[in-house]
Amino acid sequence: MISCDGERCKLEGPVNSGNVVATLEEGARLFTAPSITVDLGGLTEVDSAAISLLLEWRRAAQREKRKITYINLPDNLNSLATLYGVTELLGER
């Protein structure tokens, strides 16, 4: 689901309430660099759990004095972020 090459990681496949806990734990294990860029272009299916996941990864990075950036947010994820009013918190760059 998550593959990393140094500071660049790619999240692929579905992220939903059925697998979000495992995905959260996988990210916690893999995201150890001072700065991480997560490419979300490979997501195939998302629900509100995906938004929660990305926000939790951001909170964890802040606690650990790291930087996390999300790129290539798919349209369905952008739509959910807009619906929940958290687009600026995801901060695609």
PDB file of N, CA and C in Angstrom:
ATOM      1  N   MET A   1       0.813  -1.192   0.000  1.00  0.00           N
ATOM      2  CA  MET A   1       0.000   0.000   0.000  1.00  0.00           C
ATOM      3  C   MET A   1       0.859   1.259   0.000  1.00  0.00           C
ATOM      4  N   ILE A   2       1.919   1.306   0.845  1.00  0.00           N
ATOM      5  CA  ILE A   2       2.839   2.446   0.866  1.00  0.00           C
ATOM      6  C   ILE A   2       4.218   1.947   0.432  1.00  0.00           C
ATOM      7  N   SER A   3       4.795   2.655  -0.517  1.00  0.00           N
ATOM      8  CA  SER A   3       6.175   2.356  -0.895  1.00  0.00           C
ATOM      9  C   SER A   3       6.978   3.643  -0.749  1.00  0.00           C
ATOM     10  N   CYS A   4       8.182   3.531  -0.227  1.00  0.00           N
ATOM     11  CA  CYS A   4       9.021   4.703   0.007  1.00  0.00           C
ATOM     12  C   CYS A   4      10.400   4.514  -0.602  1.00  0.00           C
ATOM     13  N   ASP A   5      10.925   5.608  -1.088  1.00  0.00           N
ATOM     14  CA  ASP A   5      12.290   5.667  -1.578  1.00  0.00           C
ATOM     15  C   ASP A   5      12.895   6.930  -0.971  1.00  0.00           C
ATOM     16  N   GLY A   6      13.491   6.797   0.192  1.00  0.00           N
ATOM     17  CA  GLY A   6      14.019   7.963   0.897  1.00  0.00           C
ATOM     18  C   GLY A   6      12.888   8.826   1.429  1.00  0.00           C
ATOM     19  N   GLU A   7      12.871  10.068   0.981  1.00  0.00           N
ATOM     20  CA  GLU A   7      11.873  11.021   1.449  1.00  0.00           C
ATOM     21  C   GLU A   7      10.606  11.022   0.605  1.00  0.00           C
ATOM     22  N   ARG A   8      10.572  10.240  -0.468  1.00  0.00           N
ATOM     23  CA  ARG A   8       9.403  10.195  -1.342  1.00  0.00           C
ATOM     24  C   ARG A   8       8.663   8.887  -1.136  1.00  0.00           C
ATOM     25  N   CYS A   9       7.360   9.007  -0.879  1.00  0.00           N
ATOM     26  CA  CYS A   9       6.531   7.829  -0.668  1.00  0.00           C
ATOM     27  C   CYS A   9       5.312   7.897  -1.571  1.00  0.00           C
ATOM     28  N   LYS A  10       4.769   6.732  -1.865  1.00  0.00           N
ATOM     29  CA  LYS A  10       3.584   6.646  -2.715  1.00  0.00           C
ATOM     30  C   LYS A  10       2.559   5.776  -1.998  1.00  0.00           C
ATOM     31  N   LEU A  11       1.353   6.306  -1.896  1.00  0.00           N
ATOM     32  CA  LEU A  11       0.237   5.581  -1.301  1.00  0.00           C
ATOM     33  C   LEU A  11      -0.668   5.133  -2.437  1.00  0.00           C
ATOM     34  N   GLU A  12      -0.914   3.829  -2.531  1.00  0.00           N
ATOM     35  CA  GLU A  12      -1.684   3.290  -3.651  1.00  0.00           C
ATOM     36  C   GLU A  12      -2.807   2.396  -3.164  1.00  0.00           C
ATOM     37  N   GLY A  13      -3.829   2.253  -4.012  1.00  0.00           N
ATOM     38  CA  GLY A  13      -4.955   1.390  -3.700  1.00  0.00           C
ATOM     39  C   GLY A  13      -6.024   2.120  -2.912  1.00  0.00           C
ATOM     40  N   PRO A  14      -6.920   1.369  -2.292  1.00  0.00           N
ATOM     41  CA  PRO A  14      -7.990   1.997  -1.517  1.00  0.00           C
ATOM     42  C   PRO A  14      -7.517   2.386  -0.108  1.00  0.00           C
ATOM     43  N   VAL A  15      -8.087   3.460   0.396  1.00  0.00           N
ATOM     44  CA  VAL A  15      -7.937   3.822   1.809  1.00  0.00           C
ATOM     45  C   VAL A  15      -9.339   4.116   2.313  1.00  0.00           C
ATOM     46  N   ASN A  16      -9.811   3.250   3.193  1.00  0.00           N
ATOM     47  CA  ASN A  16     -11.176   3.387   3.706  1.00  0.00           C
ATOM     48  C   ASN A  16     -11.224   2.872   5.140  1.00  0.00           C
ATOM     49  N   SER A  17     -12.404   2.858   5.705  1.00  0.00           N
ATOM     50  CA  SER A  17     -12.542   2.457   7.104  1.00  0.00           C
ATOM     51  C   SER A  17     -12.086   1.018   7.343  1.00  0.00           C
ATOM     52  N   GLY A  18     -12.043   0.205   6.314  1.00  0.00           N
ATOM     53  CA  GLY A  18     -11.622  -1.181   6.464  1.00  0.00           C
ATOM     54  C   GLY A  18     -10.128  -1.374   6.611  1.00  0.00           C
ATOM     55  N   ASN A  19      -9.331  -0.425   6.110  1.00  0.00           N
ATOM     56  CA  ASN A  19      -7.874  -0.616   6.159  1.00  0.00           C
ATOM     57  C   ASN A  19      -7.113   0.583   6.712  1.00  0.00           C
ATOM     58  N   VAL A  20      -7.827   1.573   7.212  1.00  0.00           N
ATOM     59  CA  VAL A  20      -7.157   2.805   7.631  1.00  0.00           C
ATOM     60  C   VAL A  20      -6.219   2.601   8.816  1.00  0.00           C
ATOM     61  N   VAL A  21      -6.562   1.745   9.763  1.00  0.00           N
ATOM     62  CA  VAL A  21      -5.700   1.533  10.932  1.00  0.00           C
ATOM     63  C   VAL A  21      -4.376   0.910  10.502  1.00  0.00           C
ATOM     64  N   ALA A  22      -4.437  -0.096   9.648  1.00  0.00           N
ATOM     65  CA  ALA A  22      -3.214  -0.724   9.152  1.00  0.00           C
ATOM     66  C   ALA A  22      -2.373   0.269   8.349  1.00  0.00           C
ATOM     67  N   THR A  23      -3.020   1.112   7.565  1.00  0.00           N
ATOM     68  CA  THR A  23      -2.311   2.110   6.764  1.00  0.00           C
ATOM     69  C   THR A  23      -1.663   3.157   7.660  1.00  0.00           C
ATOM     70  N   LEU A  24      -2.353   3.562   8.709  1.00  0.00           N
ATOM     71  CA  LEU A  24      -1.802   4.507   9.682  1.00  0.00           C
ATOM     72  C   LEU A  24      -0.539   3.943  10.319  1.00  0.00           C
ATOM     73  N   GLU A  25      -0.603   2.698  10.731  1.00  0.00           N
ATOM     74  CA  GLU A  25       0.553   2.047  11.356  1.00  0.00           C
ATOM     75  C   GLU A  25       1.710   1.882  10.376  1.00  0.00           C
ATOM     76  N   GLU A  26       1.385   1.546   9.137  1.00  0.00           N
ATOM     77  CA  GLU A  26       2.427   1.395   8.120  1.00  0.00           C
ATOM     78  C   GLU A  26       3.145   2.724   7.890  1.00  0.00           C
ATOM     79  N   GLY A  27       2.381   3.800   7.805  1.00  0.00           N
ATOM     80  CA  GLY A  27       2.984   5.121   7.645  1.00  0.00           C
ATOM     81  C   GLY A  27       3.866   5.492   8.822  1.00  0.00           C
ATOM     82  N   ALA A  28       3.408   5.217  10.034  1.00  0.00           N
ATOM     83  CA  ALA A  28       4.192   5.526  11.230  1.00  0.00           C
ATOM     84  C   ALA A  28       5.534   4.789  11.198  1.00  0.00           C
ATOM     85  N   ARG A  29       5.537   3.597  10.672  1.00  0.00           N
ATOM     86  CA  ARG A  29       6.754   2.789  10.584  1.00  0.00           C
ATOM     87  C   ARG A  29       7.692   3.292   9.475  1.00  0.00           C
ATOM     88  N   LEU A  30       7.122   3.762   8.369  1.00  0.00           N
ATOM     89  CA  LEU A  30       7.923   4.137   7.211  1.00  0.00           C
ATOM     90  C   LEU A  30       8.340   5.605   7.174  1.00  0.00           C
ATOM     91  N   PHE A  31       7.536   6.486   7.741  1.00  0.00           N
ATOM     92  CA  PHE A  31       7.791   7.926   7.642  1.00  0.00           C
ATOM     93  C   PHE A  31       8.744   8.362   8.747  1.00  0.00           C
ATOM     94  N   THR A  32      10.034   8.178   8.513  1.00  0.00           N
ATOM     95  CA  THR A  32      11.024   8.502   9.531  1.00  0.00           C
ATOM     96  C   THR A  32      11.970   9.625   9.117  1.00  0.00           C
ATOM     97  N   ALA A  33      11.976   9.993   7.854  1.00  0.00           N
ATOM     98  CA  ALA A  33      12.858  11.062   7.378  1.00  0.00           C
ATOM     99  C   ALA A  33      12.362  12.416   7.915  1.00  0.00           C
ATOM    100  N   PRO A  34      13.246  13.402   7.977  1.00  0.00           N
ATOM    101  CA  PRO A  34      12.846  14.726   8.469  1.00  0.00           C
ATOM    102  C   PRO A  34      11.780  15.400   7.605  1.00  0.00           C
ATOM    103  N   SER A  35      11.767  15.047   6.324  1.00  0.00           N
ATOM    104  CA  SER A  35      10.796  15.607   5.395  1.00  0.00           C
ATOM    105  C   SER A  35      10.299  14.483   4.487  1.00  0.00           C
ATOM    106  N   ILE A  36       8.990  14.335   4.413  1.00  0.00           N
ATOM    107  CA  ILE A  36       8.384  13.272   3.600  1.00  0.00           C
ATOM    108  C   ILE A  36       7.421  13.905   2.606  1.00  0.00           C
ATOM    109  N   THR A  37       7.464  13.445   1.369  1.00  0.00           N
ATOM    110  CA  THR A  37       6.474  13.811   0.367  1.00  0.00           C
ATOM    111  C   THR A  37       5.707  12.549   0.023  1.00  0.00           C
ATOM    112  N   VAL A  38       4.385  12.618   0.184  1.00  0.00           N
ATOM    113  CA  VAL A  38       3.531  11.461  -0.075  1.00  0.00           C
ATOM    114  C   VAL A  38       2.725  11.730  -1.342  1.00  0.00           C
ATOM    115  N   ASP A  39       2.948  10.909  -2.345  1.00  0.00           N
ATOM    116  CA  ASP A  39       2.224  10.991  -3.605  1.00  0.00           C
ATOM    117  C   ASP A  39       0.935  10.185  -3.460  1.00  0.00           C
ATOM    118  N   LEU A  40      -0.191  10.860  -3.611  1.00  0.00           N
ATOM    119  CA  LEU A  40      -1.497  10.227  -3.445  1.00  0.00           C
ATOM    120  C   LEU A  40      -2.160   9.897  -4.775  1.00  0.00           C
ATOM    121  N   GLY A  41      -1.437  10.067  -5.863  1.00  0.00           N
ATOM    122  CA  GLY A  41      -1.996   9.843  -7.190  1.00  0.00           C
ATOM    123  C   GLY A  41      -2.418   8.415  -7.461  1.00  0.00           C
ATOM    124  N   GLY A  42      -1.943   7.461  -6.674  1.00  0.00           N
ATOM    125  CA  GLY A  42      -2.287   6.061  -6.882  1.00  0.00           C
ATOM    126  C   GLY A  42      -3.484   5.581  -6.077  1.00  0.00           C
ATOM    127  N   LEU A  43      -4.131   6.488  -5.345  1.00  0.00           N
ATOM    128  CA  LEU A  43      -5.314   6.077  -4.585  1.00  0.00           C
ATOM    129  C   LEU A  43      -6.451   5.731  -5.535  1.00  0.00           C
ATOM    130  N   THR A  44      -7.122   4.631  -5.268  1.00  0.00           N
ATOM    131  CA  THR A  44      -8.197   4.179  -6.145  1.00  0.00           C
ATOM    132  C   THR A  44      -9.577   4.385  -5.545  1.00  0.00           C
ATOM    133  N   GLU A  45      -9.651   4.385  -4.220  1.00  0.00           N
ATOM    134  CA  GLU A  45     -10.938   4.517  -3.532  1.00  0.00           C
ATOM    135  C   GLU A  45     -10.668   5.157  -2.186  1.00  0.00           C
ATOM    136  N   VAL A  46     -11.471   6.148  -1.814  1.00  0.00           N
ATOM    137  CA  VAL A  46     -11.300   6.791  -0.512  1.00  0.00           C
ATOM    138  C   VAL A  46     -12.670   7.048   0.103  1.00  0.00           C
ATOM    139  N   ASP A  47     -12.672   7.132   1.430  1.00  0.00           N
ATOM    140  CA  ASP A  47     -13.844   7.613   2.146  1.00  0.00           C
ATOM    141  C   ASP A  47     -13.332   8.569   3.218  1.00  0.00           C
ATOM    142  N   SER A  48     -14.177   8.964   4.133  1.00  0.00           N
ATOM    143  CA  SER A  48     -13.776   9.954   5.134  1.00  0.00           C
ATOM    144  C   SER A  48     -12.596   9.470   5.979  1.00  0.00           C
ATOM    145  N   ALA A  49     -12.392   8.173   6.079  1.00  0.00           N
ATOM    146  CA  ALA A  49     -11.257   7.645   6.828  1.00  0.00           C
ATOM    147  C   ALA A  49      -9.930   8.097   6.207  1.00  0.00           C
ATOM    148  N   ALA A  50      -9.882   8.266   4.897  1.00  0.00           N
ATOM    149  CA  ALA A  50      -8.662   8.721   4.235  1.00  0.00           C
ATOM    150  C   ALA A  50      -8.313  10.142   4.666  1.00  0.00           C
ATOM    151  N   ILE A  51      -9.307  10.993   4.821  1.00  0.00           N
ATOM    152  CA  ILE A  51      -9.073  12.354   5.302  1.00  0.00           C
ATOM    153  C   ILE A  51      -8.499  12.304   6.719  1.00  0.00           C
ATOM    154  N   SER A  52      -9.110  11.495   7.560  1.00  0.00           N
ATOM    155  CA  SER A  52      -8.625  11.346   8.938  1.00  0.00           C
ATOM    156  C   SER A  52      -7.180  10.857   8.964  1.00  0.00           C
ATOM    157  N   LEU A  53      -6.867   9.918   8.097  1.00  0.00           N
ATOM    158  CA  LEU A  53      -5.513   9.380   8.012  1.00  0.00           C
ATOM    159  C   LEU A  53      -4.500  10.472   7.685  1.00  0.00           C
ATOM    160  N   LEU A  54      -4.790  11.249   6.667  1.00  0.00           N
ATOM    161  CA  LEU A  54      -3.848  12.294   6.245  1.00  0.00           C
ATOM    162  C   LEU A  54      -3.673  13.353   7.326  1.00  0.00           C
ATOM    163  N   LEU A  55      -4.755  13.692   8.002  1.00  0.00           N
ATOM    164  CA  LEU A  55      -4.661  14.666   9.089  1.00  0.00           C
ATOM    165  C   LEU A  55      -3.865  14.100  10.268  1.00  0.00           C
ATOM    166  N   GLU A  56      -4.043  12.832  10.563  1.00  0.00           N
ATOM    167  CA  GLU A  56      -3.289  12.212  11.652  1.00  0.00           C
ATOM    168  C   GLU A  56      -1.808  12.134  11.314  1.00  0.00           C
ATOM    169  N   TRP A  57      -1.489  11.781  10.066  1.00  0.00           N
ATOM    170  CA  TRP A  57      -0.079  11.776   9.662  1.00  0.00           C
ATOM    171  C   TRP A  57       0.520  13.175   9.813  1.00  0.00           C
ATOM    172  N   ARG A  58      -0.252  14.222   9.483  1.00  0.00           N
ATOM    173  CA  ARG A  58       0.237  15.596   9.620  1.00  0.00           C
ATOM    174  C   ARG A  58       0.471  15.934  11.098  1.00  0.00           C
ATOM    175  N   ARG A  59      -0.472  15.566  11.965  1.00  0.00           N
ATOM    176  CA  ARG A  59      -0.308  15.819  13.403  1.00  0.00           C
ATOM    177  C   ARG A  59       0.925  15.080  13.951  1.00  0.00           C
ATOM    178  N   ALA A  60       1.103  13.840  13.540  1.00  0.00           N
ATOM    179  CA  ALA A  60       2.264  13.063  13.993  1.00  0.00           C
ATOM    180  C   ALA A  60       3.564  13.721  13.539  1.00  0.00           C
ATOM    181  N   ALA A  61       3.595  14.188  12.315  1.00  0.00           N
ATOM    182  CA  ALA A  61       4.796  14.860  11.798  1.00  0.00           C
ATOM    183  C   ALA A  61       5.093  16.119  12.609  1.00  0.00           C
ATOM    184  N   GLN A  62       4.067  16.875  12.939  1.00  0.00           N
ATOM    185  CA  GLN A  62       4.278  18.083  13.743  1.00  0.00           C
ATOM    186  C   GLN A  62       4.815  17.738  15.130  1.00  0.00           C
ATOM    187  N   ARG A  63       4.251  16.713  15.747  1.00  0.00           N
ATOM    188  CA  ARG A  63       4.718  16.291  17.076  1.00  0.00           C
ATOM    189  C   ARG A  63       6.188  15.881  17.045  1.00  0.00           C
ATOM    190  N   GLU A  64       6.585  15.245  15.938  1.00  0.00           N
ATOM    191  CA  GLU A  64       7.941  14.720  15.806  1.00  0.00           C
ATOM    192  C   GLU A  64       8.885  15.690  15.101  1.00  0.00           C
ATOM    193  N   LYS A  65       8.419  16.929  14.904  1.00  0.00           N
ATOM    194  CA  LYS A  65       9.235  17.984  14.271  1.00  0.00           C
ATOM    195  C   LYS A  65       9.693  17.589  12.866  1.00  0.00           C
ATOM    196  N   ARG A  66       8.790  16.931  12.141  1.00  0.00           N
ATOM    197  CA  ARG A  66       9.064  16.574  10.752  1.00  0.00           C
ATOM    198  C   ARG A  66       8.093  17.325   9.858  1.00  0.00           C
ATOM    199  N   LYS A  67       8.361  17.292   8.561  1.00  0.00           N
ATOM    200  CA  LYS A  67       7.489  17.929   7.580  1.00  0.00           C
ATOM    201  C   LYS A  67       6.905  16.836   6.696  1.00  0.00           C
ATOM    202  N   ILE A  68       5.591  16.934   6.440  1.00  0.00           N
ATOM    203  CA  ILE A  68       4.961  16.000   5.509  1.00  0.00           C
ATOM    204  C   ILE A  68       4.171  16.813   4.484  1.00  0.00           C
ATOM    205  N   THR A  69       4.333  16.451   3.236  1.00  0.00           N
ATOM    206  CA  THR A  69       3.670  17.134   2.131  1.00  0.00           C
ATOM    207  C   THR A  69       2.928  16.108   1.302  1.00  0.00           C
ATOM    208  N   TYR A  70       1.717  16.455   0.907  1.00  0.00           N
ATOM    209  CA  TYR A  70       0.906  15.578   0.060  1.00  0.00           C
ATOM    210  C   TYR A  70       0.846  16.164  -1.343  1.00  0.00           C
ATOM    211  N   ILE A  71       1.047  15.314  -2.353  1.00  0.00           N
ATOM    212  CA  ILE A  71       0.964  15.758  -3.748  1.00  0.00           C
ATOM    213  C   ILE A  71       0.033  14.821  -4.516  1.00  0.00           C
ATOM    214  N   ASN A  72      -0.454  15.311  -5.635  1.00  0.00           N
ATOM    215  CA  ASN A  72      -1.291  14.543  -6.560  1.00  0.00           C
ATOM    216  C   ASN A  72      -2.555  13.984  -5.904  1.00  0.00           C
ATOM    217  N   LEU A  73      -3.244  14.836  -5.145  1.00  0.00           N
ATOM    218  CA  LEU A  73      -4.501  14.402  -4.545  1.00  0.00           C
ATOM    219  C   LEU A  73      -5.513  14.100  -5.646  1.00  0.00           C
ATOM    220  N   PRO A  74      -6.107  12.917  -5.648  1.00  0.00           N
ATOM    221  CA  PRO A  74      -7.116  12.605  -6.658  1.00  0.00           C
ATOM    222  C   PRO A  74      -8.381  13.437  -6.420  1.00  0.00           C
ATOM    223  N   ASP A  75      -9.179  13.574  -7.460  1.00  0.00           N
ATOM    224  CA  ASP A  75     -10.384  14.403  -7.398  1.00  0.00           C
ATOM    225  C   ASP A  75     -11.333  13.982  -6.280  1.00  0.00           C
ATOM    226  N   ASN A  76     -11.503  12.661  -6.090  1.00  0.00           N
ATOM    227  CA  ASN A  76     -12.436  12.216  -5.060  1.00  0.00           C
ATOM    228  C   ASN A  76     -11.952  12.600  -3.661  1.00  0.00           C
ATOM    229  N   LEU A  77     -10.657  12.612  -3.447  1.00  0.00           N
ATOM    230  CA  LEU A  77     -10.108  13.029  -2.155  1.00  0.00           C
ATOM    231  C   LEU A  77     -10.228  14.541  -1.981  1.00  0.00           C
ATOM    232  N   ASN A  78      -9.965  15.281  -3.040  1.00  0.00           N
ATOM    233  CA  ASN A  78     -10.147  16.736  -2.997  1.00  0.00           C
ATOM    234  C   ASN A  78     -11.594  17.094  -2.697  1.00  0.00           C
ATOM    235  N   SER A  79     -12.525  16.365  -3.284  1.00  0.00           N
ATOM    236  CA  SER A  79     -13.953  16.629  -3.038  1.00  0.00           C
ATOM    237  C   SER A  79     -14.303  16.421  -1.569  1.00  0.00           C
ATOM    238  N   LEU A  80     -13.800  15.339  -0.982  1.00  0.00           N
ATOM    239  CA  LEU A  80     -14.055  15.085   0.442  1.00  0.00           C
ATOM    240  C   LEU A  80     -13.420  16.170   1.313  1.00  0.00           C
ATOM    241  N   ALA A  81     -12.196  16.555   0.992  1.00  0.00           N
ATOM    242  CA  ALA A  81     -11.516  17.595   1.766  1.00  0.00           C
ATOM    243  C   ALA A  81     -12.291  18.908   1.699  1.00  0.00           C
ATOM    244  N   THR A  82     -12.826  19.231   0.532  1.00  0.00           N
ATOM    245  CA  THR A  82     -13.635  20.435   0.377  1.00  0.00           C
ATOM    246  C   THR A  82     -14.923  20.326   1.185  1.00  0.00           C
ATOM    247  N   LEU A  83     -15.578  19.175   1.110  1.00  0.00           N
ATOM    248  CA  LEU A  83     -16.819  18.945   1.853  1.00  0.00           C
ATOM    249  C   LEU A  83     -16.608  19.140   3.350  1.00  0.00           C
ATOM    250  N   TYR A  84     -15.497  18.643   3.875  1.00  0.00           N
ATOM    251  CA  TYR A  84     -15.213  18.738   5.304  1.00  0.00           C
ATOM    252  C   TYR A  84     -14.492  20.026   5.697  1.00  0.00           C
ATOM    253  N   GLY A  85     -14.159  20.858   4.719  1.00  0.00           N
ATOM    254  CA  GLY A  85     -13.520  22.141   5.006  1.00  0.00           C
ATOM    255  C   GLY A  85     -12.084  22.018   5.486  1.00  0.00           C
ATOM    256  N   VAL A  86     -11.363  21.005   5.014  1.00  0.00           N
ATOM    257  CA  VAL A  86      -9.979  20.791   5.465  1.00  0.00           C
ATOM    258  C   VAL A  86      -8.956  20.850   4.328  1.00  0.00           C
ATOM    259  N   THR A  87      -9.346  21.403   3.210  1.00  0.00           N
ATOM    260  CA  THR A  87      -8.449  21.458   2.048  1.00  0.00           C
ATOM    261  C   THR A  87      -7.120  22.106   2.399  1.00  0.00           C
ATOM    262  N   GLU A  88      -7.176  23.217   3.123  1.00  0.00           N
ATOM    263  CA  GLU A  88      -5.940  23.932   3.462  1.00  0.00           C
ATOM    264  C   GLU A  88      -5.074  23.135   4.449  1.00  0.00           C
ATOM    265  N   LEU A  89      -5.681  22.266   5.235  1.00  0.00           N
ATOM    266  CA  LEU A  89      -4.901  21.457   6.166  1.00  0.00           C
ATOM    267  C   LEU A  89      -4.121  20.355   5.456  1.00  0.00           C
ATOM    268  N   LEU A  90      -4.640  19.910   4.320  1.00  0.00           N
ATOM    269  CA  LEU A  90      -3.914  18.898   3.554  1.00  0.00           C
ATOM    270  C   LEU A  90      -2.766  19.537   2.778  1.00  0.00           C
ATOM    271  N   GLY A  91      -2.962  20.809   2.381  1.00  0.00           N
ATOM    272  CA  GLY A  91      -1.894  21.605   1.826  1.00  0.00           C
ATOM    273  C   GLY A  91      -1.133  21.000   0.662  1.00  0.00           C
ATOM    274  N   GLU A  92      -1.847  20.607  -0.394  1.00  0.00           N
ATOM    275  CA  GLU A  92      -1.137  20.090  -1.567  1.00  0.00           C
ATOM    276  C   GLU A  92      -0.208  21.158  -2.106  1.00  0.00           C
ATOM    277  N   ARG A  93       1.008  20.760  -2.422  1.00  0.00           N
ATOM    278  CA  ARG A  93       2.003  21.703  -2.950  1.00  0.00           C
ATOM    279  C   ARG A  93       2.621  21.121  -4.189  1.00  0.00           C
TER     280      ARG A  93
END
